[in-house]
C-alpha cells in the first residue's frame, strides 16, 4: 500500500512564496488539506484560490509573522 496524504492536514509557514509555496502545491497535488500562513495576505489569498481551482482541496489561510517586530 502506498503512502497517502489524502485528507491529511498540512500546516505550512512562509507559504506565500519560495519553498513554502512549492510545498503547498505539492501537498495539494497529493490530496492534503492545507493550513497556509505568511505575512503577505494578498499572496496567500491568490495561492489559496489557485490551489482550490487546480486541486479542489480545502485551504485555510492565516496571516502570521513568526518573528514580529515591536
PDB file of N, CA and C in Angstrom:
ATOM      1  N   UNK A   1       0.839  -1.171   0.000  1.00  0.00           N
ATOM      2  CA  UNK A   1       0.000   0.000   0.000  1.00  0.00           C
ATOM      3  C   UNK A   1       0.888   1.239   0.000  1.00  0.00           C
ATOM      4  N   UNK A   2       0.615   2.199  -0.877  1.00  0.00           N
ATOM      5  CA  UNK A   2       1.386   3.429  -0.983  1.00  0.00           C
ATOM      6  C   UNK A   2       0.967   4.430   0.089  1.00  0.00           C
ATOM      7  N   UNK A   3       1.905   5.271   0.485  1.00  0.00           N
ATOM      8  CA  UNK A   3       1.632   6.335   1.452  1.00  0.00           C
ATOM      9  C   UNK A   3       0.689   7.345   0.824  1.00  0.00           C
ATOM     10  N   UNK A   4      -0.310   7.786   1.569  1.00  0.00           N
ATOM     11  CA  UNK A   4      -1.292   8.729   1.047  1.00  0.00           C
ATOM     12  C   UNK A   4      -1.383   9.965   1.932  1.00  0.00           C
ATOM     13  N   UNK A   5      -1.479  11.119   1.292  1.00  0.00           N
ATOM     14  CA  UNK A   5      -1.715  12.371   2.009  1.00  0.00           C
ATOM     15  C   UNK A   5      -3.182  12.768   1.936  1.00  0.00           C
ATOM     16  N   UNK A   6      -4.005  11.937   1.316  1.00  0.00           N
ATOM     17  CA  UNK A   6      -5.422  12.221   1.143  1.00  0.00           C
ATOM     18  C   UNK A   6      -6.058  12.548   2.485  1.00  0.00           C
ATOM     19  N   UNK A   7      -6.638  13.745   2.565  1.00  0.00           N
ATOM     20  CA  UNK A   7      -7.353  14.242   3.745  1.00  0.00           C
ATOM     21  C   UNK A   7      -6.484  14.447   4.985  1.00  0.00           C
ATOM     22  N   UNK A   8      -5.175  14.371   4.857  1.00  0.00           N
ATOM     23  CA  UNK A   8      -4.282  14.748   5.956  1.00  0.00           C
ATOM     24  C   UNK A   8      -4.236  16.274   5.982  1.00  0.00           C
ATOM     25  N   UNK A   9      -3.964  16.858   7.138  1.00  0.00           N
ATOM     26  CA  UNK A   9      -3.860  18.303   7.266  1.00  0.00           C
ATOM     27  C   UNK A   9      -2.389  18.678   7.373  1.00  0.00           C
ATOM     28  N   UNK A  10      -1.970  19.605   6.515  1.00  0.00           N
ATOM     29  CA  UNK A  10      -0.584  20.067   6.479  1.00  0.00           C
ATOM     30  C   UNK A  10      -0.553  21.551   6.811  1.00  0.00           C
ATOM     31  N   UNK A  11       0.290  21.927   7.765  1.00  0.00           N
ATOM     32  CA  UNK A  11       0.459  23.316   8.203  1.00  0.00           C
ATOM     33  C   UNK A  11       1.776  23.825   7.649  1.00  0.00           C
ATOM     34  N   UNK A  12       1.729  24.904   6.861  1.00  0.00           N
ATOM     35  CA  UNK A  12       2.941  25.419   6.216  1.00  0.00           C
ATOM     36  C   UNK A  12       3.103  26.894   6.546  1.00  0.00           C
ATOM     37  N   UNK A  13       4.269  27.262   7.101  1.00  0.00           N
ATOM     38  CA  UNK A  13       4.590  28.669   7.316  1.00  0.00           C
ATOM     39  C   UNK A  13       5.390  29.163   6.118  1.00  0.00           C
ATOM     40  N   UNK A  14       5.304  30.443   5.848  1.00  0.00           N
ATOM     41  CA  UNK A  14       6.022  31.016   4.721  1.00  0.00           C
ATOM     42  C   UNK A  14       5.504  30.519   3.390  1.00  0.00           C
ATOM     43  N   UNK A  15       4.194  30.310   3.301  1.00  0.00           N
ATOM     44  CA  UNK A  15       3.607  29.665   2.125  1.00  0.00           C
ATOM     45  C   UNK A  15       3.384  30.608   0.947  1.00  0.00           C
ATOM     46  N   UNK A  16       3.613  31.903   1.123  1.00  0.00           N
ATOM     47  CA  UNK A  16       3.289  32.838   0.044  1.00  0.00           C
ATOM     48  C   UNK A  16       4.307  32.850  -1.092  1.00  0.00           C
ATOM     49  N   UNK A  17       5.478  32.246  -0.884  1.00  0.00           N
ATOM     50  CA  UNK A  17       6.490  32.233  -1.948  1.00  0.00           C
ATOM     51  C   UNK A  17       7.547  31.161  -1.668  1.00  0.00           C
ATOM     52  N   UNK A  18       8.405  30.960  -2.653  1.00  0.00           N
ATOM     53  CA  UNK A  18       9.556  30.082  -2.495  1.00  0.00           C
ATOM     54  C   UNK A  18       9.228  28.652  -2.132  1.00  0.00           C
ATOM     55  N   UNK A  19      10.008  28.113  -1.204  1.00  0.00           N
ATOM     56  CA  UNK A  19       9.879  26.714  -0.793  1.00  0.00           C
ATOM     57  C   UNK A  19       8.506  26.438  -0.178  1.00  0.00           C
ATOM     58  N   UNK A  20       8.002  27.363   0.630  1.00  0.00           N
ATOM     59  CA  UNK A  20       6.686  27.175   1.250  1.00  0.00           C
ATOM     60  C   UNK A  20       5.581  27.039   0.220  1.00  0.00           C
ATOM     61  N   UNK A  21       5.619  27.885  -0.800  1.00  0.00           N
ATOM     62  CA  UNK A  21       4.623  27.825  -1.865  1.00  0.00           C
ATOM     63  C   UNK A  21       4.738  26.517  -2.641  1.00  0.00           C
ATOM     64  N   UNK A  22       5.962  26.119  -2.962  1.00  0.00           N
ATOM     65  CA  UNK A  22       6.180  24.863  -3.690  1.00  0.00           C
ATOM     66  C   UNK A  22       5.682  23.671  -2.876  1.00  0.00           C
ATOM     67  N   UNK A  23       5.923  23.685  -1.569  1.00  0.00           N
ATOM     68  CA  UNK A  23       5.435  22.602  -0.706  1.00  0.00           C
ATOM     69  C   UNK A  23       3.912  22.572  -0.688  1.00  0.00           C
ATOM     70  N   UNK A  24       3.294  23.748  -0.603  1.00  0.00           N
ATOM     71  CA  UNK A  24       1.823  23.818  -0.595  1.00  0.00           C
ATOM     72  C   UNK A  24       1.255  23.190  -1.860  1.00  0.00           C
ATOM     73  N   UNK A  25       1.840  23.513  -2.996  1.00  0.00           N
ATOM     74  CA  UNK A  25       1.355  22.970  -4.260  1.00  0.00           C
ATOM     75  C   UNK A  25       1.546  21.455  -4.334  1.00  0.00           C
ATOM     76  N   UNK A  26       2.674  20.961  -3.861  1.00  0.00           N
ATOM     77  CA  UNK A  26       2.934  19.521  -3.894  1.00  0.00           C
ATOM     78  C   UNK A  26       1.996  18.753  -2.964  1.00  0.00           C
ATOM     79  N   UNK A  27       1.806  19.256  -1.744  1.00  0.00           N
ATOM     80  CA  UNK A  27       0.894  18.585  -0.818  1.00  0.00           C
ATOM     81  C   UNK A  27      -0.542  18.610  -1.344  1.00  0.00           C
ATOM     82  N   UNK A  28      -0.941  19.734  -1.941  1.00  0.00           N
ATOM     83  CA  UNK A  28      -2.281  19.820  -2.525  1.00  0.00           C
ATOM     84  C   UNK A  28      -2.446  18.797  -3.642  1.00  0.00           C
ATOM     85  N   UNK A  29      -1.417  18.633  -4.455  1.00  0.00           N
ATOM     86  CA  UNK A  29      -1.463  17.657  -5.548  1.00  0.00           C
ATOM     87  C   UNK A  29      -1.613  16.235  -5.016  1.00  0.00           C
ATOM     88  N   UNK A  30      -1.149  16.004  -3.782  1.00  0.00           N
ATOM     89  CA  UNK A  30      -1.265  14.679  -3.171  1.00  0.00           C
ATOM     90  C   UNK A  30      -2.560  14.511  -2.374  1.00  0.00           C
ATOM     91  N   UNK A  31      -3.427  15.540  -2.405  1.00  0.00           N
ATOM     92  CA  UNK A  31      -4.728  15.417  -1.754  1.00  0.00           C
ATOM     93  C   UNK A  31      -4.807  15.919  -0.335  1.00  0.00           C
ATOM     94  N   UNK A  32      -3.742  16.562   0.160  1.00  0.00           N
ATOM     95  CA  UNK A  32      -3.754  17.060   1.537  1.00  0.00           C
ATOM     96  C   UNK A  32      -4.633  18.295   1.665  1.00  0.00           C
ATOM     97  N   UNK A  33      -5.173  18.490   2.838  1.00  0.00           N
ATOM     98  CA  UNK A  33      -5.878  19.726   3.194  1.00  0.00           C
ATOM     99  C   UNK A  33      -4.820  20.651   3.799  1.00  0.00           C
ATOM    100  N   UNK A  34      -4.907  21.955   3.529  1.00  0.00           N
ATOM    101  CA  UNK A  34      -3.813  22.857   3.869  1.00  0.00           C
ATOM    102  C   UNK A  34      -4.207  23.972   4.823  1.00  0.00           C
ATOM    103  N   UNK A  35      -3.286  24.268   5.737  1.00  0.00           N
ATOM    104  CA  UNK A  35      -3.327  25.492   6.526  1.00  0.00           C
ATOM    105  C   UNK A  35      -2.074  26.250   6.113  1.00  0.00           C
ATOM    106  N   UNK A  36      -2.271  27.394   5.453  1.00  0.00           N
ATOM    107  CA  UNK A  36      -1.161  28.165   4.913  1.00  0.00           C
ATOM    108  C   UNK A  36      -1.020  29.474   5.665  1.00  0.00           C
ATOM    109  N   UNK A  37       0.207  29.801   6.085  1.00  0.00           N
ATOM    110  CA  UNK A  37       0.453  31.044   6.787  1.00  0.00           C
ATOM    111  C   UNK A  37       1.598  31.800   6.117  1.00  0.00           C
ATOM    112  N   UNK A  38       1.538  33.121   6.235  1.00  0.00           N
ATOM    113  CA  UNK A  38       2.595  34.003   5.750  1.00  0.00           C
ATOM    114  C   UNK A  38       2.234  35.430   6.162  1.00  0.00           C
ATOM    115  N   UNK A  39       3.175  36.346   5.968  1.00  0.00           N
ATOM    116  CA  UNK A  39       2.922  37.750   6.289  1.00  0.00           C
ATOM    117  C   UNK A  39       2.064  38.428   5.236  1.00  0.00           C
ATOM    118  N   UNK A  40       2.223  38.034   3.981  1.00  0.00           N
ATOM    119  CA  UNK A  40       1.566  38.727   2.866  1.00  0.00           C
ATOM    120  C   UNK A  40       0.241  38.048   2.519  1.00  0.00           C
ATOM    121  N   UNK A  41      -0.838  38.605   3.051  1.00  0.00           N
ATOM    122  CA  UNK A  41      -2.165  38.006   2.895  1.00  0.00           C
ATOM    123  C   UNK A  41      -2.627  38.020   1.445  1.00  0.00           C
ATOM    124  N   UNK A  42      -2.261  39.039   0.692  1.00  0.00           N
ATOM    125  CA  UNK A  42      -2.678  39.090  -0.712  1.00  0.00           C
ATOM    126  C   UNK A  42      -2.125  37.913  -1.497  1.00  0.00           C
ATOM    127  N   UNK A  43      -0.878  37.555  -1.232  1.00  0.00           N
ATOM    128  CA  UNK A  43      -0.280  36.399  -1.909  1.00  0.00           C
ATOM    129  C   UNK A  43      -0.903  35.087  -1.439  1.00  0.00           C
ATOM    130  N   UNK A  44      -1.189  35.004  -0.155  1.00  0.00           N
ATOM    131  CA  UNK A  44      -1.846  33.794   0.371  1.00  0.00           C
ATOM    132  C   UNK A  44      -3.217  33.608  -0.253  1.00  0.00           C
ATOM    133  N   UNK A  45      -3.969  34.693  -0.367  1.00  0.00           N
ATOM    134  CA  UNK A  45      -5.306  34.598  -0.965  1.00  0.00           C
ATOM    135  C   UNK A  45      -5.235  34.111  -2.404  1.00  0.00           C
ATOM    136  N   UNK A  46      -4.267  34.613  -3.166  1.00  0.00           N
ATOM    137  CA  UNK A  46      -4.120  34.188  -4.557  1.00  0.00           C
ATOM    138  C   UNK A  46      -3.709  32.717  -4.631  1.00  0.00           C
ATOM    139  N   UNK A  47      -2.766  32.314  -3.774  1.00  0.00           N
ATOM    140  CA  UNK A  47      -2.331  30.919  -3.753  1.00  0.00           C
ATOM    141  C   UNK A  47      -3.489  30.000  -3.378  1.00  0.00           C
ATOM    142  N   UNK A  48      -4.262  30.395  -2.385  1.00  0.00           N
ATOM    143  CA  UNK A  48      -5.417  29.606  -1.964  1.00  0.00           C
ATOM    144  C   UNK A  48      -6.398  29.422  -3.123  1.00  0.00           C
ATOM    145  N   UNK A  49      -6.692  30.503  -3.813  1.00  0.00           N
ATOM    146  CA  UNK A  49      -7.607  30.442  -4.951  1.00  0.00           C
ATOM    147  C   UNK A  49      -7.067  29.497  -6.026  1.00  0.00           C
ATOM    148  N   UNK A  50      -5.780  29.639  -6.361  1.00  0.00           N
ATOM    149  CA  UNK A  50      -5.162  28.789  -7.386  1.00  0.00           C
ATOM    150  C   UNK A  50      -5.202  27.310  -7.001  1.00  0.00           C
ATOM    151  N   UNK A  51      -4.882  27.017  -5.751  1.00  0.00           N
ATOM    152  CA  UNK A  51      -4.854  25.627  -5.285  1.00  0.00           C
ATOM    153  C   UNK A  51      -6.261  25.027  -5.279  1.00  0.00           C
ATOM    154  N   UNK A  52      -7.237  25.788  -4.806  1.00  0.00           N
ATOM    155  CA  UNK A  52      -8.618  25.286  -4.787  1.00  0.00           C
ATOM    156  C   UNK A  52      -9.109  24.972  -6.192  1.00  0.00           C
ATOM    157  N   UNK A  53      -8.789  25.865  -7.144  1.00  0.00           N
ATOM    158  CA  UNK A  53      -9.214  25.642  -8.529  1.00  0.00           C
ATOM    159  C   UNK A  53      -8.492  24.461  -9.159  1.00  0.00           C
ATOM    160  N   UNK A  54      -7.198  24.353  -8.933  1.00  0.00           N
ATOM    161  CA  UNK A  54      -6.383  23.321  -9.576  1.00  0.00           C
ATOM    162  C   UNK A  54      -6.571  21.945  -8.957  1.00  0.00           C
ATOM    163  N   UNK A  55      -6.643  21.885  -7.612  1.00  0.00           N
ATOM    164  CA  UNK A  55      -6.638  20.588  -6.931  1.00  0.00           C
ATOM    165  C   UNK A  55      -7.931  20.272  -6.184  1.00  0.00           C
ATOM    166  N   UNK A  56      -8.792  21.252  -5.984  1.00  0.00           N
ATOM    167  CA  UNK A  56     -10.058  21.015  -5.304  1.00  0.00           C
ATOM    168  C   UNK A  56      -9.923  20.645  -3.837  1.00  0.00           C
ATOM    169  N   UNK A  57      -8.858  21.070  -3.204  1.00  0.00           N
ATOM    170  CA  UNK A  57      -8.645  20.727  -1.799  1.00  0.00           C
ATOM    171  C   UNK A  57      -9.004  21.901  -0.889  1.00  0.00           C
ATOM    172  N   UNK A  58      -9.233  21.625   0.380  1.00  0.00           N
ATOM    173  CA  UNK A  58      -9.535  22.660   1.362  1.00  0.00           C
ATOM    174  C   UNK A  58      -8.269  23.432   1.719  1.00  0.00           C
ATOM    175  N   UNK A  59      -8.412  24.760   1.810  1.00  0.00           N
ATOM    176  CA  UNK A  59      -7.281  25.618   2.175  1.00  0.00           C
ATOM    177  C   UNK A  59      -7.766  26.658   3.176  1.00  0.00           C
ATOM    178  N   UNK A  60      -7.062  26.759   4.301  1.00  0.00           N
ATOM    179  CA  UNK A  60      -7.302  27.805   5.286  1.00  0.00           C
ATOM    180  C   UNK A  60      -6.062  28.692   5.287  1.00  0.00           C
ATOM    181  N   UNK A  61      -6.246  30.015   5.145  1.00  0.00           N
ATOM    182  CA  UNK A  61      -5.109  30.934   5.169  1.00  0.00           C
ATOM    183  C   UNK A  61      -5.151  31.771   6.436  1.00  0.00           C
ATOM    184  N   UNK A  62      -3.965  32.020   6.993  1.00  0.00           N
ATOM    185  CA  UNK A  62      -3.839  32.815   8.218  1.00  0.00           C
ATOM    186  C   UNK A  62      -2.638  33.734   8.049  1.00  0.00           C
ATOM    187  N   UNK A  63      -2.839  35.033   8.286  1.00  0.00           N
ATOM    188  CA  UNK A  63      -1.711  35.952   8.255  1.00  0.00           C
ATOM    189  C   UNK A  63      -0.907  35.750   9.536  1.00  0.00           C
ATOM    190  N   UNK A  64       0.393  35.507   9.371  1.00  0.00           N
ATOM    191  CA  UNK A  64       1.229  35.164  10.526  1.00  0.00           C
ATOM    192  C   UNK A  64       2.666  35.592  10.252  1.00  0.00           C
ATOM    193  N   UNK A  65       3.263  36.246  11.224  1.00  0.00           N
ATOM    194  CA  UNK A  65       4.680  36.590  11.179  1.00  0.00           C
ATOM    195  C   UNK A  65       5.317  35.934  12.388  1.00  0.00           C
ATOM    196  N   UNK A  66       6.159  34.956  12.173  1.00  0.00           N
ATOM    197  CA  UNK A  66       6.732  34.233  13.314  1.00  0.00           C
ATOM    198  C   UNK A  66       7.831  35.014  14.016  1.00  0.00           C
ATOM    199  N   UNK A  67       8.312  36.082  13.386  1.00  0.00           N
ATOM    200  CA  UNK A  67       9.302  36.958  14.013  1.00  0.00           C
ATOM    201  C   UNK A  67       8.788  38.394  13.964  1.00  0.00           C
ATOM    202  N   UNK A  68       7.727  38.713  14.709  1.00  0.00           N
ATOM    203  CA  UNK A  68       7.150  40.056  14.629  1.00  0.00           C
ATOM    204  C   UNK A  68       8.101  41.113  15.183  1.00  0.00           C
ATOM    205  N   UNK A  69       8.037  42.282  14.593  1.00  0.00           N
ATOM    206  CA  UNK A  69       8.814  43.401  15.117  1.00  0.00           C
ATOM    207  C   UNK A  69       7.965  44.142  16.131  1.00  0.00           C
ATOM    208  N   UNK A  70       8.619  44.857  16.994  1.00  0.00           N
ATOM    209  CA  UNK A  70       7.878  45.570  18.048  1.00  0.00           C
ATOM    210  C   UNK A  70       7.564  46.970  17.647  1.00  0.00           C
TER     211      UNK A  70
END
